[in-house]
Amino acid sequence: MVVQRVVNHYREHQAEFDMDRAESMLAAVIRDPIHVFEGNKANSFLFLGEWSDTHFLAVSVKALPTELWMETMYITRKKRFLRRAANQAGPVYSKE
């Protein structure tokens, strides 16, 4: 589920990346991610999709018992994301 407050939040960053492209990829990233990592908050996960050779589209999702709530989405450099200490444990899911 995506509430208007979340859409307004990530739309504030539309000058940073192609928002229309990101929104068109959103369902596919949630349905068929490349990787899923534990998020920074309780019961949250980062779903990663392929944005480019060097970047992921990251979608932060709160997992509730019967539904998923999107928290935000952003573009992140692959190398930087994968070397962060919080991600050193590896993904909880990987397509590869």
PDB file of N, CA and C in Angstrom:
ATOM      1  N   MET A   1       0.840  -1.159   0.000  1.00  0.00           N
ATOM      2  CA  MET A   1       0.000   0.000   0.000  1.00  0.00           C
ATOM      3  C   MET A   1       0.899   1.241   0.000  1.00  0.00           C
ATOM      4  N   VAL A   2       0.516   2.235  -0.770  1.00  0.00           N
ATOM      5  CA  VAL A   2       1.244   3.499  -0.811  1.00  0.00           C
ATOM      6  C   VAL A   2       0.258   4.623  -0.485  1.00  0.00           C
ATOM      7  N   VAL A   3       0.530   5.336   0.580  1.00  0.00           N
ATOM      8  CA  VAL A   3      -0.343   6.442   0.962  1.00  0.00           C
ATOM      9  C   VAL A   3       0.189   7.749   0.372  1.00  0.00           C
ATOM     10  N   GLN A   4      -0.677   8.722   0.247  1.00  0.00           N
ATOM     11  CA  GLN A   4      -0.325   9.989  -0.393  1.00  0.00           C
ATOM     12  C   GLN A   4       0.843  10.686   0.302  1.00  0.00           C
ATOM     13  N   ARG A   5       0.925  10.565   1.613  1.00  0.00           N
ATOM     14  CA  ARG A   5       2.021  11.181   2.370  1.00  0.00           C
ATOM     15  C   ARG A   5       3.378  10.666   1.879  1.00  0.00           C
ATOM     16  N   VAL A   6       3.458   9.368   1.584  1.00  0.00           N
ATOM     17  CA  VAL A   6       4.698   8.763   1.094  1.00  0.00           C
ATOM     18  C   VAL A   6       4.995   9.253  -0.323  1.00  0.00           C
ATOM     19  N   VAL A   7       3.980   9.305  -1.162  1.00  0.00           N
ATOM     20  CA  VAL A   7       4.163   9.818  -2.520  1.00  0.00           C
ATOM     21  C   VAL A   7       4.680  11.252  -2.465  1.00  0.00           C
ATOM     22  N   ASN A   8       4.073  12.076  -1.623  1.00  0.00           N
ATOM     23  CA  ASN A   8       4.534  13.465  -1.476  1.00  0.00           C
ATOM     24  C   ASN A   8       5.984  13.514  -1.021  1.00  0.00           C
ATOM     25  N   HIS A   9       6.358  12.619  -0.096  1.00  0.00           N
ATOM     26  CA  HIS A   9       7.729  12.587   0.412  1.00  0.00           C
ATOM     27  C   HIS A   9       8.727  12.279  -0.701  1.00  0.00           C
ATOM     28  N   TYR A  10       8.524  11.183  -1.429  1.00  0.00           N
ATOM     29  CA  TYR A  10       9.535  10.853  -2.433  1.00  0.00           C
ATOM     30  C   TYR A  10       9.471  11.786  -3.635  1.00  0.00           C
ATOM     31  N   ARG A  11       8.325  12.367  -3.903  1.00  0.00           N
ATOM     32  CA  ARG A  11       8.208  13.332  -5.002  1.00  0.00           C
ATOM     33  C   ARG A  11       9.017  14.612  -4.732  1.00  0.00           C
ATOM     34  N   GLU A  12       9.321  14.900  -3.471  1.00  0.00           N
ATOM     35  CA  GLU A  12      10.179  16.049  -3.135  1.00  0.00           C
ATOM     36  C   GLU A  12      11.565  15.895  -3.747  1.00  0.00           C
ATOM     37  N   HIS A  13      11.933  14.679  -4.094  1.00  0.00           N
ATOM     38  CA  HIS A  13      13.263  14.387  -4.629  1.00  0.00           C
ATOM     39  C   HIS A  13      13.253  14.157  -6.136  1.00  0.00           C
ATOM     40  N   GLN A  14      12.214  14.580  -6.814  1.00  0.00           N
ATOM     41  CA  GLN A  14      12.092  14.278  -8.241  1.00  0.00           C
ATOM     42  C   GLN A  14      13.173  14.921  -9.100  1.00  0.00           C
ATOM     43  N   ALA A  15      13.841  15.940  -8.603  1.00  0.00           N
ATOM     44  CA  ALA A  15      14.936  16.536  -9.365  1.00  0.00           C
ATOM     45  C   ALA A  15      16.190  15.653  -9.341  1.00  0.00           C
ATOM     46  N   GLU A  16      16.234  14.685  -8.427  1.00  0.00           N
ATOM     47  CA  GLU A  16      17.416  13.843  -8.252  1.00  0.00           C
ATOM     48  C   GLU A  16      17.446  12.638  -9.188  1.00  0.00           C
ATOM     49  N   PHE A  17      16.281  12.169  -9.635  1.00  0.00           N
ATOM     50  CA  PHE A  17      16.234  11.026 -10.549  1.00  0.00           C
ATOM     51  C   PHE A  17      14.900  11.018 -11.289  1.00  0.00           C
ATOM     52  N   ASP A  18      14.801  10.170 -12.279  1.00  0.00           N
ATOM     53  CA  ASP A  18      13.612  10.090 -13.130  1.00  0.00           C
ATOM     54  C   ASP A  18      12.468   9.441 -12.350  1.00  0.00           C
ATOM     55  N   MET A  19      11.623  10.266 -11.758  1.00  0.00           N
ATOM     56  CA  MET A  19      10.558   9.792 -10.890  1.00  0.00           C
ATOM     57  C   MET A  19       9.525   8.952 -11.642  1.00  0.00           C
ATOM     58  N   ASP A  20       9.186   9.350 -12.864  1.00  0.00           N
ATOM     59  CA  ASP A  20       8.215   8.575 -13.640  1.00  0.00           C
ATOM     60  C   ASP A  20       8.728   7.163 -13.899  1.00  0.00           C
ATOM     61  N   ARG A  21      10.003   7.051 -14.237  1.00  0.00           N
ATOM     62  CA  ARG A  21      10.595   5.728 -14.449  1.00  0.00           C
ATOM     63  C   ARG A  21      10.576   4.908 -13.163  1.00  0.00           C
ATOM     64  N   ALA A  22      10.946   5.544 -12.048  1.00  0.00           N
ATOM     65  CA  ALA A  22      10.965   4.847 -10.763  1.00  0.00           C
ATOM     66  C   ALA A  22       9.569   4.350 -10.395  1.00  0.00           C
ATOM     67  N   GLU A  23       8.560   5.185 -10.571  1.00  0.00           N
ATOM     68  CA  GLU A  23       7.194   4.772 -10.250  1.00  0.00           C
ATOM     69  C   GLU A  23       6.725   3.638 -11.155  1.00  0.00           C
ATOM     70  N   SER A  24       7.150   3.654 -12.415  1.00  0.00           N
ATOM     71  CA  SER A  24       6.751   2.583 -13.321  1.00  0.00           C
ATOM     72  C   SER A  24       7.426   1.256 -12.959  1.00  0.00           C
ATOM     73  N   MET A  25       8.556   1.316 -12.275  1.00  0.00           N
ATOM     74  CA  MET A  25       9.287   0.117 -11.872  1.00  0.00           C
ATOM     75  C   MET A  25       8.863  -0.411 -10.504  1.00  0.00           C
ATOM     76  N   LEU A  26       8.137   0.381  -9.766  1.00  0.00           N
ATOM     77  CA  LEU A  26       7.831   0.091  -8.364  1.00  0.00           C
ATOM     78  C   LEU A  26       7.216  -1.296  -8.152  1.00  0.00           C
ATOM     79  N   ALA A  27       6.157  -1.610  -8.852  1.00  0.00           N
ATOM     80  CA  ALA A  27       5.488  -2.909  -8.658  1.00  0.00           C
ATOM     81  C   ALA A  27       6.421  -4.073  -8.985  1.00  0.00           C
ATOM     82  N   ALA A  28       7.209  -3.935 -10.047  1.00  0.00           N
ATOM     83  CA  ALA A  28       8.128  -5.012 -10.437  1.00  0.00           C
ATOM     84  C   ALA A  28       9.227  -5.211  -9.404  1.00  0.00           C
ATOM     85  N   VAL A  29       9.709  -4.137  -8.818  1.00  0.00           N
ATOM     86  CA  VAL A  29      10.763  -4.256  -7.799  1.00  0.00           C
ATOM     87  C   VAL A  29      10.222  -4.977  -6.566  1.00  0.00           C
ATOM     88  N   ILE A  30       8.994  -4.692  -6.174  1.00  0.00           N
ATOM     89  CA  ILE A  30       8.399  -5.370  -5.016  1.00  0.00           C
ATOM     90  C   ILE A  30       8.084  -6.838  -5.361  1.00  0.00           C
ATOM     91  N   ARG A  31       7.573  -7.075  -6.535  1.00  0.00           N
ATOM     92  CA  ARG A  31       7.167  -8.423  -6.947  1.00  0.00           C
ATOM     93  C   ARG A  31       8.368  -9.332  -7.245  1.00  0.00           C
ATOM     94  N   ASP A  32       9.428  -8.768  -7.826  1.00  0.00           N
ATOM     95  CA  ASP A  32      10.561  -9.580  -8.273  1.00  0.00           C
ATOM     96  C   ASP A  32      11.881  -8.837  -8.040  1.00  0.00           C
ATOM     97  N   PRO A  33      12.255  -8.617  -6.774  1.00  0.00           N
ATOM     98  CA  PRO A  33      13.480  -7.861  -6.485  1.00  0.00           C
ATOM     99  C   PRO A  33      14.740  -8.651  -6.809  1.00  0.00           C
ATOM    100  N   ILE A  34      15.815  -7.906  -7.032  1.00  0.00           N
ATOM    101  CA  ILE A  34      17.133  -8.537  -7.187  1.00  0.00           C
ATOM    102  C   ILE A  34      17.623  -9.009  -5.824  1.00  0.00           C
ATOM    103  N   HIS A  35      17.500  -8.136  -4.827  1.00  0.00           N
ATOM    104  CA  HIS A  35      17.884  -8.441  -3.440  1.00  0.00           C
ATOM    105  C   HIS A  35      16.855  -7.827  -2.505  1.00  0.00           C
ATOM    106  N   VAL A  36      16.770  -8.411  -1.299  1.00  0.00           N
ATOM    107  CA  VAL A  36      16.007  -7.817  -0.209  1.00  0.00           C
ATOM    108  C   VAL A  36      16.914  -7.828   1.012  1.00  0.00           C
ATOM    109  N   PHE A  37      17.076  -6.665   1.629  1.00  0.00           N
ATOM    110  CA  PHE A  37      17.877  -6.520   2.842  1.00  0.00           C
ATOM    111  C   PHE A  37      16.979  -6.095   3.985  1.00  0.00           C
ATOM    112  N   GLU A  38      17.392  -6.407   5.216  1.00  0.00           N
ATOM    113  CA  GLU A  38      16.677  -5.883   6.372  1.00  0.00           C
ATOM    114  C   GLU A  38      16.840  -4.375   6.383  1.00  0.00           C
ATOM    115  N   GLY A  39      15.771  -3.672   6.728  1.00  0.00           N
ATOM    116  CA  GLY A  39      15.819  -2.218   6.805  1.00  0.00           C
ATOM    117  C   GLY A  39      16.343  -1.746   8.147  1.00  0.00           C
ATOM    118  N   ASN A  40      16.382  -0.436   8.324  1.00  0.00           N
ATOM    119  CA  ASN A  40      16.875   0.149   9.564  1.00  0.00           C
ATOM    120  C   ASN A  40      15.839   0.141  10.680  1.00  0.00           C
ATOM    121  N   LYS A  41      14.571   0.048  10.337  1.00  0.00           N
ATOM    122  CA  LYS A  41      13.492   0.052  11.320  1.00  0.00           C
ATOM    123  C   LYS A  41      12.968  -1.364  11.523  1.00  0.00           C
ATOM    124  N   ALA A  42      12.289  -1.579  12.656  1.00  0.00           N
ATOM    125  CA  ALA A  42      11.706  -2.888  12.938  1.00  0.00           C
ATOM    126  C   ALA A  42      10.728  -3.268  11.833  1.00  0.00           C
ATOM    127  N   ASN A  43      10.819  -4.508  11.394  1.00  0.00           N
ATOM    128  CA  ASN A  43       9.928  -5.053  10.372  1.00  0.00           C
ATOM    129  C   ASN A  43       9.990  -4.319   9.038  1.00  0.00           C
ATOM    130  N   SER A  44      11.100  -3.668   8.744  1.00  0.00           N
ATOM    131  CA  SER A  44      11.219  -3.000   7.449  1.00  0.00           C
ATOM    132  C   SER A  44      12.279  -3.710   6.604  1.00  0.00           C
ATOM    133  N   PHE A  45      12.078  -3.620   5.299  1.00  0.00           N
ATOM    134  CA  PHE A  45      12.969  -4.267   4.345  1.00  0.00           C
ATOM    135  C   PHE A  45      13.238  -3.331   3.188  1.00  0.00           C
ATOM    136  N   LEU A  46      14.411  -3.474   2.586  1.00  0.00           N
ATOM    137  CA  LEU A  46      14.768  -2.728   1.378  1.00  0.00           C
ATOM    138  C   LEU A  46      14.733  -3.680   0.193  1.00  0.00           C
ATOM    139  N   PHE A  47      13.837  -3.428  -0.723  1.00  0.00           N
ATOM    140  CA  PHE A  47      13.738  -4.180  -1.959  1.00  0.00           C
ATOM    141  C   PHE A  47      14.568  -3.446  -3.003  1.00  0.00           C
ATOM    142  N   LEU A  48      15.474  -4.154  -3.665  1.00  0.00           N
ATOM    143  CA  LEU A  48      16.361  -3.529  -4.640  1.00  0.00           C
ATOM    144  C   LEU A  48      16.061  -4.006  -6.047  1.00  0.00           C
ATOM    145  N   GLY A  49      15.972  -3.045  -6.951  1.00  0.00           N
ATOM    146  CA  GLY A  49      15.797  -3.337  -8.367  1.00  0.00           C
ATOM    147  C   GLY A  49      16.935  -2.730  -9.160  1.00  0.00           C
ATOM    148  N   GLU A  50      17.120  -3.199 -10.356  1.00  0.00           N
ATOM    149  CA  GLU A  50      18.191  -2.713 -11.227  1.00  0.00           C
ATOM    150  C   GLU A  50      17.795  -1.369 -11.833  1.00  0.00           C
ATOM    151  N   TRP A  51      18.518  -0.307 -11.486  1.00  0.00           N
ATOM    152  CA  TRP A  51      18.285   1.011 -12.077  1.00  0.00           C
ATOM    153  C   TRP A  51      19.220   1.224 -13.262  1.00  0.00           C
ATOM    154  N   SER A  52      20.501   0.882 -13.046  1.00  0.00           N
ATOM    155  CA  SER A  52      21.516   1.001 -14.092  1.00  0.00           C
ATOM    156  C   SER A  52      22.646   0.046 -13.747  1.00  0.00           C
ATOM    157  N   ASP A  53      23.704   0.090 -14.525  1.00  0.00           N
ATOM    158  CA  ASP A  53      24.871  -0.751 -14.223  1.00  0.00           C
ATOM    159  C   ASP A  53      25.496  -0.393 -12.879  1.00  0.00           C
ATOM    160  N   THR A  54      25.313   0.836 -12.443  1.00  0.00           N
ATOM    161  CA  THR A  54      25.980   1.314 -11.232  1.00  0.00           C
ATOM    162  C   THR A  54      25.047   1.646 -10.075  1.00  0.00           C
ATOM    163  N   HIS A  55      23.731   1.621 -10.305  1.00  0.00           N
ATOM    164  CA  HIS A  55      22.778   2.038  -9.272  1.00  0.00           C
ATOM    165  C   HIS A  55      21.620   1.062  -9.111  1.00  0.00           C
ATOM    166  N   PHE A  56      21.107   0.999  -7.871  1.00  0.00           N
ATOM    167  CA  PHE A  56      19.879   0.275  -7.554  1.00  0.00           C
ATOM    168  C   PHE A  56      18.745   1.273  -7.384  1.00  0.00           C
ATOM    169  N   LEU A  57      17.522   0.837  -7.644  1.00  0.00           N
ATOM    170  CA  LEU A  57      16.334   1.524  -7.153  1.00  0.00           C
ATOM    171  C   LEU A  57      16.000   0.813  -5.849  1.00  0.00           C
ATOM    172  N   ALA A  58      16.050   1.538  -4.744  1.00  0.00           N
ATOM    173  CA  ALA A  58      15.772   0.970  -3.422  1.00  0.00           C
ATOM    174  C   ALA A  58      14.381   1.398  -2.985  1.00  0.00           C
ATOM    175  N   VAL A  59      13.579   0.411  -2.559  1.00  0.00           N
ATOM    176  CA  VAL A  59      12.231   0.678  -2.080  1.00  0.00           C
ATOM    177  C   VAL A  59      12.149   0.163  -0.647  1.00  0.00           C
ATOM    178  N   SER A  60      11.941   1.089   0.294  1.00  0.00           N
ATOM    179  CA  SER A  60      11.818   0.732   1.695  1.00  0.00           C
ATOM    180  C   SER A  60      10.365   0.380   1.991  1.00  0.00           C
ATOM    181  N   VAL A  61      10.176  -0.806   2.597  1.00  0.00           N
ATOM    182  CA  VAL A  61       8.835  -1.331   2.827  1.00  0.00           C
ATOM    183  C   VAL A  61       8.705  -1.814   4.268  1.00  0.00           C
ATOM    184  N   LYS A  62       7.619  -1.441   4.917  1.00  0.00           N
ATOM    185  CA  LYS A  62       7.286  -1.916   6.264  1.00  0.00           C
ATOM    186  C   LYS A  62       6.401  -3.152   6.094  1.00  0.00           C
ATOM    187  N   ALA A  63       6.806  -4.260   6.696  1.00  0.00           N
ATOM    188  CA  ALA A  63       6.056  -5.513   6.584  1.00  0.00           C
ATOM    189  C   ALA A  63       5.142  -5.670   7.794  1.00  0.00           C
ATOM    190  N   LEU A  64       3.844  -5.622   7.545  1.00  0.00           N
ATOM    191  CA  LEU A  64       2.839  -5.855   8.573  1.00  0.00           C
ATOM    192  C   LEU A  64       2.274  -7.262   8.365  1.00  0.00           C
ATOM    193  N   PRO A  65       1.555  -7.810   9.335  1.00  0.00           N
ATOM    194  CA  PRO A  65       1.088  -9.197   9.208  1.00  0.00           C
ATOM    195  C   PRO A  65       0.307  -9.497   7.925  1.00  0.00           C
ATOM    196  N   THR A  66      -0.491  -8.559   7.441  1.00  0.00           N
ATOM    197  CA  THR A  66      -1.325  -8.865   6.270  1.00  0.00           C
ATOM    198  C   THR A  66      -1.072  -7.966   5.077  1.00  0.00           C
ATOM    199  N   GLU A  67      -0.100  -7.056   5.166  1.00  0.00           N
ATOM    200  CA  GLU A  67       0.151  -6.153   4.045  1.00  0.00           C
ATOM    201  C   GLU A  67       1.534  -5.531   4.120  1.00  0.00           C
ATOM    202  N   LEU A  68       1.953  -4.937   3.022  1.00  0.00           N
ATOM    203  CA  LEU A  68       3.215  -4.201   2.939  1.00  0.00           C
ATOM    204  C   LEU A  68       2.898  -2.726   2.760  1.00  0.00           C
ATOM    205  N   TRP A  69       3.604  -1.870   3.494  1.00  0.00           N
ATOM    206  CA  TRP A  69       3.442  -0.413   3.383  1.00  0.00           C
ATOM    207  C   TRP A  69       4.748   0.183   2.894  1.00  0.00           C
ATOM    208  N   MET A  70       4.700   0.853   1.781  1.00  0.00           N
ATOM    209  CA  MET A  70       5.890   1.512   1.253  1.00  0.00           C
ATOM    210  C   MET A  70       6.233   2.709   2.132  1.00  0.00           C
ATOM    211  N   GLU A  71       7.535   2.838   2.466  1.00  0.00           N
ATOM    212  CA  GLU A  71       7.994   3.971   3.274  1.00  0.00           C
ATOM    213  C   GLU A  71       8.627   5.058   2.404  1.00  0.00           C
ATOM    214  N   THR A  72       9.451   4.652   1.442  1.00  0.00           N
ATOM    215  CA  THR A  72      10.077   5.601   0.518  1.00  0.00           C
ATOM    216  C   THR A  72      10.776   4.831  -0.594  1.00  0.00           C
ATOM    217  N   MET A  73      11.297   5.550  -1.566  1.00  0.00           N
ATOM    218  CA  MET A  73      12.155   4.940  -2.583  1.00  0.00           C
ATOM    219  C   MET A  73      13.227   5.949  -2.975  1.00  0.00           C
ATOM    220  N   TYR A  74      14.364   5.420  -3.399  1.00  0.00           N
ATOM    221  CA  TYR A  74      15.480   6.279  -3.779  1.00  0.00           C
ATOM    222  C   TYR A  74      16.454   5.489  -4.640  1.00  0.00           C
ATOM    223  N   ILE A  75      17.383   6.200  -5.238  1.00  0.00           N
ATOM    224  CA  ILE A  75      18.447   5.601  -6.037  1.00  0.00           C
ATOM    225  C   ILE A  75      19.707   5.575  -5.174  1.00  0.00           C
ATOM    226  N   THR A  76      20.431   4.465  -5.220  1.00  0.00           N
ATOM    227  CA  THR A  76      21.663   4.353  -4.449  1.00  0.00           C
ATOM    228  C   THR A  76      22.730   3.653  -5.282  1.00  0.00           C
ATOM    229  N   ARG A  77      23.960   4.106  -5.119  1.00  0.00           N
ATOM    230  CA  ARG A  77      25.070   3.456  -5.832  1.00  0.00           C
ATOM    231  C   ARG A  77      25.255   2.038  -5.309  1.00  0.00           C
ATOM    232  N   LYS A  78      25.428   1.083  -6.208  1.00  0.00           N
ATOM    233  CA  LYS A  78      25.544  -0.319  -5.817  1.00  0.00           C
ATOM    234  C   LYS A  78      26.721  -0.559  -4.881  1.00  0.00           C
ATOM    235  N   LYS A  79      27.908  -0.091  -5.268  1.00  0.00           N
ATOM    236  CA  LYS A  79      29.101  -0.332  -4.453  1.00  0.00           C
ATOM    237  C   LYS A  79      28.955   0.262  -3.061  1.00  0.00           C
ATOM    238  N   ARG A  80      28.441   1.471  -2.988  1.00  0.00           N
ATOM    239  CA  ARG A  80      28.276   2.128  -1.690  1.00  0.00           C
ATOM    240  C   ARG A  80      27.268   1.372  -0.829  1.00  0.00           C
ATOM    241  N   PHE A  81      26.157   0.989  -1.415  1.00  0.00           N
ATOM    242  CA  PHE A  81      25.133   0.264  -0.656  1.00  0.00           C
ATOM    243  C   PHE A  81      25.680  -1.052  -0.115  1.00  0.00           C
ATOM    244  N   LEU A  82      26.347  -1.823  -0.958  1.00  0.00           N
ATOM    245  CA  LEU A  82      26.794  -3.152  -0.568  1.00  0.00           C
ATOM    246  C   LEU A  82      27.940  -3.141   0.434  1.00  0.00           C
ATOM    247  N   ARG A  83      28.674  -2.053   0.549  1.00  0.00           N
ATOM    248  CA  ARG A  83      29.772  -2.026   1.521  1.00  0.00           C
ATOM    249  C   ARG A  83      29.380  -1.410   2.865  1.00  0.00           C
ATOM    250  N   ARG A  84      28.189  -0.867   2.989  1.00  0.00           N
ATOM    251  CA  ARG A  84      27.742  -0.327   4.276  1.00  0.00           C
ATOM    252  C   ARG A  84      27.742  -1.416   5.339  1.00  0.00           C
ATOM    253  N   ALA A  85      28.133  -1.049   6.529  1.00  0.00           N
ATOM    254  CA  ALA A  85      28.234  -2.022   7.630  1.00  0.00           C
ATOM    255  C   ALA A  85      26.907  -2.728   7.876  1.00  0.00           C
ATOM    256  N   ALA A  86      25.804  -2.007   7.790  1.00  0.00           N
ATOM    257  CA  ALA A  86      24.489  -2.608   8.055  1.00  0.00           C
ATOM    258  C   ALA A  86      24.137  -3.679   7.038  1.00  0.00           C
ATOM    259  N   ASN A  87      24.760  -3.656   5.885  1.00  0.00           N
ATOM    260  CA  ASN A  87      24.444  -4.620   4.839  1.00  0.00           C
ATOM    261  C   ASN A  87      25.461  -5.758   4.747  1.00  0.00           C
ATOM    262  N   GLN A  88      26.449  -5.760   5.625  1.00  0.00           N
ATOM    263  CA  GLN A  88      27.510  -6.756   5.568  1.00  0.00           C
ATOM    264  C   GLN A  88      27.007  -8.175   5.821  1.00  0.00           C
ATOM    265  N   ALA A  89      25.887  -8.309   6.529  1.00  0.00           N
ATOM    266  CA  ALA A  89      25.340  -9.640   6.796  1.00  0.00           C
ATOM    267  C   ALA A  89      24.784 -10.271   5.533  1.00  0.00           C
ATOM    268  N   GLY A  90      24.584  -9.457   4.522  1.00  0.00           N
ATOM    269  CA  GLY A  90      24.073  -9.966   3.250  1.00  0.00           C
ATOM    270  C   GLY A  90      22.565  -9.863   3.178  1.00  0.00           C
ATOM    271  N   PRO A  91      22.041 -10.127   2.005  1.00  0.00           N
ATOM    272  CA  PRO A  91      20.588 -10.014   1.811  1.00  0.00           C
ATOM    273  C   PRO A  91      19.829 -11.153   2.490  1.00  0.00           C
ATOM    274  N   VAL A  92      18.579 -10.893   2.851  1.00  0.00           N
ATOM    275  CA  VAL A  92      17.712 -11.951   3.350  1.00  0.00           C
ATOM    276  C   VAL A  92      17.121 -12.726   2.170  1.00  0.00           C
ATOM    277  N   TYR A  93      17.191 -12.127   0.992  1.00  0.00           N
ATOM    278  CA  TYR A  93      16.770 -12.784  -0.245  1.00  0.00           C
ATOM    279  C   TYR A  93      17.645 -12.257  -1.366  1.00  0.00           C
ATOM    280  N   SER A  94      18.034 -13.126  -2.256  1.00  0.00           N
ATOM    281  CA  SER A  94      18.780 -12.721  -3.438  1.00  0.00           C
ATOM    282  C   SER A  94      18.328 -13.575  -4.611  1.00  0.00           C
ATOM    283  N   LYS A  95      18.041 -12.915  -5.699  1.00  0.00           N
ATOM    284  CA  LYS A  95      17.594 -13.588  -6.914  1.00  0.00           C
ATOM    285  C   LYS A  95      18.722 -14.400  -7.537  1.00  0.00           C
ATOM    286  N   GLU A  96      19.934 -13.959  -7.319  1.00  0.00           N
ATOM    287  CA  GLU A  96      21.094 -14.564  -7.953  1.00  0.00           C
ATOM    288  C   GLU A  96      21.600 -15.759  -7.198  1.00  0.00           C
TER     289      GLU A  96
END
